[in-house]
Amino acid sequence: MSTPDRSRAGNPLLPTAPPPSPREAPIESSAVLRDQVEARYGPQTPLNIPQQVGVGLPPWRVTTNPALWVVGVHGGAGATTITRLLGPATAELARHYPVAPTGAPAPRVLLVARTHASGLTAARGAAAQWASGTTGVTLVGLVVVDDGPRLPKDLVATVTALGGMVPALWHLPWCEAWRSTTTTPTEVPRRTRKSLDAITAAAEKATACLPAPGTPGGALRPPPPAHPDRHPPAPHHTTLWAARPTAD
C-alpha cells in the first residue's frame, strides 16, 4: 500500500503552494464568429475594382483628424454607442466617408451596421466602395451589431460574406440592456469588451499610435490636429468621451 506524500502538507519549513489562478470566463458565443473575437479573411487594402454607380457613402470634408472615425453606414447602426465605448480619440460621422484636410494622413475608418437586411446592404455598398480604391481612407474593419435576439441563418451567411470584403470583422450579439439603459464601458458583455480591445489594437496598428500617457493601455491616442489654431467643427455627431477601461 502506498503512503500519502506528506513532505509538503503541514510542513512549516516548506513554502506554501500558490492558490490556483481563477479561470477566465469564456466569452459569449457569436452566431457568426463562434468563439472568435474577430475574423480576418478579407482584403487588407483596396482591390481597385470598378465602383458601382450609386452605391456607397458620399464624401464629407472634415477638419479634424481623430485616431478613428466611427462611420454608421445607415441610420440607427449603433455608431454612437460604439464611439462612446471606444473613448475620446474617436469621432462619429454618420453615413459619409471622411475626406481628410489637405496634407493630413488618410482617415482611419471603422464601419458600423446593424444585422437587418437593409443594414447589411448598406454595409456591402460601403465595403465595395472602399474596395474600389476611391474613398481615400484606411479601413480598419466592419462591426455588425445584432438588431434582435436571434440572427437568422440567411443573415449569418450574409455577414460571413461581408467579412470577405473588409480587412476585419467584429460581431456584437444582441444586448437587451442596451434598449433601456445608457451603456458604460464597464457594463457591456465580455464579447463586446474583447471586441473593443481588438478594434483598438487594429486602429493603433493602422495609425502607429501608442496609448496616451495616463490612459488605460487600450485607449487610442489621437494624432496632432491638422489645424491646431482652429477649433474643430463637429460634422454630424462628433463624440468625445472618457477613456474606456481595457478588458479584464
Protein backbone atom coordinates (compact mmCIF):
# COMPACT_ATOMS: atom_id res chain seq x y z
CA MET A 1 0.00 0.00 0.00
CA SER A 2 1.38 3.38 -0.95
CA THR A 3 1.58 6.09 1.70
CA PRO A 4 0.48 9.68 1.01
CA ASP A 5 3.17 12.25 0.36
CA ARG A 6 3.34 14.38 3.49
CA SER A 7 6.53 16.21 2.53
CA ARG A 8 4.65 19.50 1.96
CA ALA A 9 1.37 19.19 3.79
CA GLY A 10 1.65 20.56 7.30
CA ASN A 11 5.39 21.27 7.00
CA PRO A 12 6.04 24.89 8.06
CA LEU A 13 9.55 24.79 6.63
CA LEU A 14 8.35 24.45 3.05
CA PRO A 15 6.82 27.34 1.06
CA THR A 16 3.08 27.24 0.64
CA ALA A 17 1.94 26.34 -2.85
CA PRO A 18 0.26 29.33 -4.57
CA PRO A 19 -3.52 29.08 -4.93
CA PRO A 20 -4.76 28.18 -8.41
CA SER A 21 -5.48 31.27 -10.52
CA PRO A 22 -9.16 31.82 -11.32
CA ARG A 23 -10.13 30.69 -14.78
CA GLU A 24 -11.16 33.43 -17.18
CA ALA A 25 -14.84 33.26 -18.04
CA PRO A 26 -15.45 32.33 -21.69
CA ILE A 27 -16.83 34.99 -23.99
CA GLU A 28 -20.37 34.80 -25.25
CA SER A 29 -20.78 32.76 -28.41
CA SER A 30 -21.34 34.55 -31.70
CA ALA A 31 -23.61 33.18 -34.41
CA VAL A 32 -21.07 34.47 -36.94
CA LEU A 33 -17.65 34.13 -35.30
CA ARG A 34 -18.41 31.32 -32.81
CA ASP A 35 -15.75 31.62 -30.09
CA GLN A 36 -13.53 34.04 -32.03
CA VAL A 37 -13.48 37.78 -31.31
CA GLU A 38 -12.54 38.91 -34.80
CA ALA A 39 -12.17 37.46 -38.28
CA ARG A 40 -9.60 38.42 -40.91
CA TYR A 41 -10.17 36.76 -44.25
CA GLY A 42 -10.86 39.79 -46.43
CA PRO A 43 -8.52 42.13 -48.33
CA GLN A 44 -6.28 44.36 -46.24
CA THR A 45 -6.01 47.04 -48.93
CA PRO A 46 -8.40 48.18 -51.70
CA LEU A 47 -8.61 45.94 -54.74
CA ASN A 48 -9.16 48.86 -57.15
CA ILE A 49 -12.20 47.20 -58.67
CA PRO A 50 -14.71 49.29 -60.61
CA GLN A 51 -17.18 51.12 -58.36
CA GLN A 52 -20.87 50.56 -58.94
CA VAL A 53 -22.66 53.83 -59.61
CA GLY A 54 -24.96 54.99 -56.83
CA VAL A 55 -23.59 52.54 -54.25
CA GLY A 56 -21.76 53.55 -51.10
CA LEU A 57 -21.38 56.67 -48.98
CA PRO A 58 -20.94 60.27 -50.11
CA PRO A 59 -17.77 62.14 -49.05
CA TRP A 60 -17.70 64.68 -46.23
CA ARG A 61 -14.72 67.03 -45.87
CA VAL A 62 -13.58 67.14 -42.25
CA THR A 63 -11.20 69.49 -40.44
CA THR A 64 -10.33 67.16 -37.56
CA ASN A 65 -8.12 64.08 -37.66
CA PRO A 66 -9.11 61.71 -34.84
CA ALA A 67 -7.39 58.39 -34.33
CA LEU A 68 -10.51 56.67 -35.63
CA TRP A 69 -13.69 57.71 -37.42
CA VAL A 70 -16.69 55.55 -36.48
CA VAL A 71 -18.98 55.62 -39.52
CA GLY A 72 -22.54 54.35 -39.29
CA VAL A 73 -23.45 53.22 -42.79
CA HIS A 74 -27.16 53.80 -42.14
CA GLY A 75 -29.38 55.43 -39.54
CA GLY A 76 -29.55 53.58 -36.23
CA ALA A 77 -26.46 51.48 -36.93
CA GLY A 78 -25.13 51.80 -33.38
CA ALA A 79 -22.20 54.07 -34.22
CA THR A 80 -22.97 56.46 -31.34
CA THR A 81 -22.74 53.65 -28.79
CA ILE A 82 -19.56 52.24 -30.35
CA THR A 83 -17.99 55.71 -30.38
CA ARG A 84 -18.82 56.25 -26.72
CA LEU A 85 -17.38 52.89 -25.72
CA LEU A 86 -14.15 53.29 -27.72
CA GLY A 87 -13.19 56.51 -25.95
CA PRO A 88 -12.14 60.12 -26.51
CA ALA A 89 -9.85 59.68 -29.51
CA THR A 90 -12.70 58.57 -31.74
CA ALA A 91 -15.31 60.63 -33.56
CA GLU A 92 -18.57 59.68 -35.21
CA LEU A 93 -19.55 60.52 -38.78
CA ALA A 94 -22.97 59.43 -40.00
CA ARG A 95 -23.42 57.92 -43.46
CA HIS A 96 -20.38 59.59 -45.06
CA TYR A 97 -16.76 58.73 -45.73
CA PRO A 98 -14.46 61.42 -44.26
CA VAL A 99 -12.20 63.38 -46.59
CA ALA A 100 -9.02 64.44 -44.79
CA PRO A 101 -7.72 68.01 -44.69
CA THR A 102 -5.03 68.81 -47.23
CA GLY A 103 -1.73 67.27 -46.19
CA ALA A 104 -3.25 65.15 -43.41
CA PRO A 105 -2.93 61.35 -43.26
CA ALA A 106 -5.71 59.23 -44.68
CA PRO A 107 -8.61 59.00 -42.22
CA ARG A 108 -8.89 55.71 -40.31
CA VAL A 109 -12.44 54.38 -40.52
CA LEU A 110 -14.48 51.77 -38.69
CA LEU A 111 -17.77 50.93 -40.42
CA VAL A 112 -20.79 50.04 -38.27
CA ALA A 113 -24.01 48.34 -39.40
CA ARG A 114 -26.99 46.52 -37.94
CA THR A 115 -27.64 42.95 -38.98
CA HIS A 116 -31.03 43.53 -40.62
CA ALA A 117 -31.20 43.20 -44.40
CA SER A 118 -31.11 46.93 -45.20
CA GLY A 119 -28.21 47.50 -42.80
CA LEU A 120 -26.15 44.72 -44.36
CA THR A 121 -26.97 46.01 -47.84
CA ALA A 122 -25.65 49.43 -46.84
CA ALA A 123 -22.54 47.80 -45.37
CA ARG A 124 -21.96 45.87 -48.59
CA GLY A 125 -22.17 49.07 -50.60
CA ALA A 126 -19.73 50.90 -48.32
CA ALA A 127 -17.31 47.94 -48.41
CA ALA A 128 -17.48 47.71 -52.20
CA GLN A 129 -16.85 51.44 -52.44
CA TRP A 130 -13.74 51.09 -50.28
CA ALA A 131 -12.56 48.13 -52.39
CA SER A 132 -12.72 50.34 -55.48
CA GLY A 133 -9.91 52.47 -54.05
CA THR A 134 -11.85 55.72 -54.42
CA THR A 135 -12.55 56.56 -50.76
CA GLY A 136 -9.06 57.69 -49.72
CA VAL A 137 -9.47 56.17 -46.24
CA THR A 138 -7.71 53.45 -44.28
CA LEU A 139 -10.44 50.96 -43.44
CA VAL A 140 -9.88 49.27 -40.08
CA GLY A 141 -12.85 46.95 -40.46
CA LEU A 142 -16.58 46.46 -40.01
CA VAL A 143 -18.61 45.99 -36.84
CA VAL A 144 -22.03 44.38 -37.20
CA VAL A 145 -24.45 44.83 -34.29
CA ASP A 146 -27.37 42.45 -33.88
CA ASP A 147 -30.77 44.04 -34.34
CA GLY A 148 -32.59 41.28 -32.44
CA PRO A 149 -32.04 38.39 -30.00
CA ARG A 150 -31.60 35.82 -32.76
CA LEU A 151 -29.75 36.15 -36.06
CA PRO A 152 -31.39 34.05 -38.82
CA LYS A 153 -29.18 31.68 -40.82
CA ASP A 154 -29.55 33.61 -44.06
CA LEU A 155 -28.30 36.79 -42.36
CA VAL A 156 -25.45 34.85 -40.75
CA ALA A 157 -24.39 33.85 -44.27
CA THR A 158 -24.66 37.47 -45.43
CA VAL A 159 -22.50 38.72 -42.56
CA THR A 160 -19.95 35.97 -43.23
CA ALA A 161 -19.76 37.03 -46.87
CA LEU A 162 -19.30 40.66 -45.81
CA GLY A 163 -16.26 39.60 -43.79
CA GLY A 164 -14.59 38.71 -47.08
CA MET A 165 -14.95 42.30 -48.30
CA VAL A 166 -13.24 44.14 -45.40
CA PRO A 167 -9.92 43.89 -43.53
CA ALA A 168 -11.54 42.73 -40.27
CA LEU A 169 -14.98 41.77 -38.99
CA TRP A 170 -16.39 42.06 -35.47
CA HIS A 171 -19.83 40.88 -34.39
CA LEU A 172 -21.65 42.22 -31.33
CA PRO A 173 -24.57 39.95 -30.40
CA TRP A 174 -27.87 41.31 -29.11
CA CYS A 175 -27.67 43.08 -25.73
CA GLU A 176 -31.09 43.54 -24.15
CA ALA A 177 -29.78 46.09 -21.62
CA TRP A 178 -28.88 48.50 -24.42
CA ARG A 179 -32.56 49.09 -25.09
CA SER A 180 -33.27 50.73 -21.74
CA THR A 181 -30.01 51.98 -20.25
CA THR A 182 -27.12 54.25 -21.17
CA THR A 183 -24.27 51.83 -21.66
CA THR A 184 -20.95 52.42 -19.92
CA PRO A 185 -17.69 50.62 -20.74
CA THR A 186 -17.86 48.54 -17.55
CA GLU A 187 -21.38 47.26 -18.23
CA VAL A 188 -21.00 45.75 -21.68
CA PRO A 189 -20.88 41.99 -22.30
CA ARG A 190 -17.49 40.31 -22.29
CA ARG A 191 -17.51 39.72 -26.05
CA THR A 192 -18.14 43.42 -26.62
CA ARG A 193 -15.24 44.41 -24.35
CA LYS A 194 -12.92 41.97 -26.10
CA SER A 195 -14.10 43.28 -29.48
CA LEU A 196 -13.41 46.88 -28.39
CA ASP A 197 -9.88 45.87 -27.41
CA ALA A 198 -9.37 44.19 -30.80
CA ILE A 199 -10.70 47.26 -32.64
CA THR A 200 -8.40 49.49 -30.62
CA ALA A 201 -5.40 47.31 -31.44
CA ALA A 202 -6.29 47.30 -35.15
CA ALA A 203 -6.70 51.09 -35.20
CA GLU A 204 -3.44 51.62 -33.36
CA LYS A 205 -1.66 49.36 -35.83
CA ALA A 206 -3.11 51.38 -38.69
CA THR A 207 -2.08 54.70 -37.17
CA ALA A 208 1.16 53.64 -35.47
CA CYS A 209 -0.25 55.23 -32.28
CA LEU A 210 0.70 54.38 -28.73
CA PRO A 211 -1.54 54.68 -25.67
CA ALA A 212 -1.64 58.24 -24.38
CA PRO A 213 0.15 58.83 -21.05
CA GLY A 214 -2.14 58.29 -18.09
CA THR A 215 -4.80 56.38 -20.03
CA PRO A 216 -5.58 52.66 -19.99
CA GLY A 217 -3.50 50.54 -22.32
CA GLY A 218 -6.34 50.10 -24.76
CA ALA A 219 -7.19 53.77 -25.23
CA LEU A 220 -6.38 55.29 -28.59
CA ARG A 221 -4.00 58.20 -28.70
CA PRO A 222 -5.17 60.93 -31.07
CA PRO A 223 -2.64 62.27 -33.58
CA PRO A 224 -1.84 66.01 -33.62
CA PRO A 225 -4.73 68.05 -35.06
CA ALA A 226 -4.40 69.13 -38.66
CA HIS A 227 -5.22 72.74 -37.68
CA PRO A 228 -4.10 73.35 -34.07
CA ASP A 229 -5.12 77.02 -34.31
CA ARG A 230 -8.68 76.21 -35.32
CA HIS A 231 -11.43 74.82 -33.13
CA PRO A 232 -12.53 71.62 -34.88
CA PRO A 233 -16.15 71.65 -36.01
CA ALA A 234 -18.42 68.69 -35.41
CA PRO A 235 -19.52 67.07 -38.67
CA HIS A 236 -22.82 65.37 -37.89
CA HIS A 237 -22.20 63.93 -34.40
CA THR A 238 -18.61 64.17 -33.18
CA THR A 239 -18.46 62.48 -29.80
CA LEU A 240 -15.55 62.63 -27.37
CA TRP A 241 -15.94 60.58 -24.22
CA ALA A 242 -13.94 59.46 -21.22
CA ALA A 243 -11.32 56.78 -21.82
CA ARG A 244 -12.64 53.25 -21.52
CA PRO A 245 -11.03 50.55 -19.38
CA THR A 246 -9.37 47.58 -21.02
CA ALA A 247 -10.98 44.16 -20.83
CA ASP A 248 -10.05 42.04 -17.85
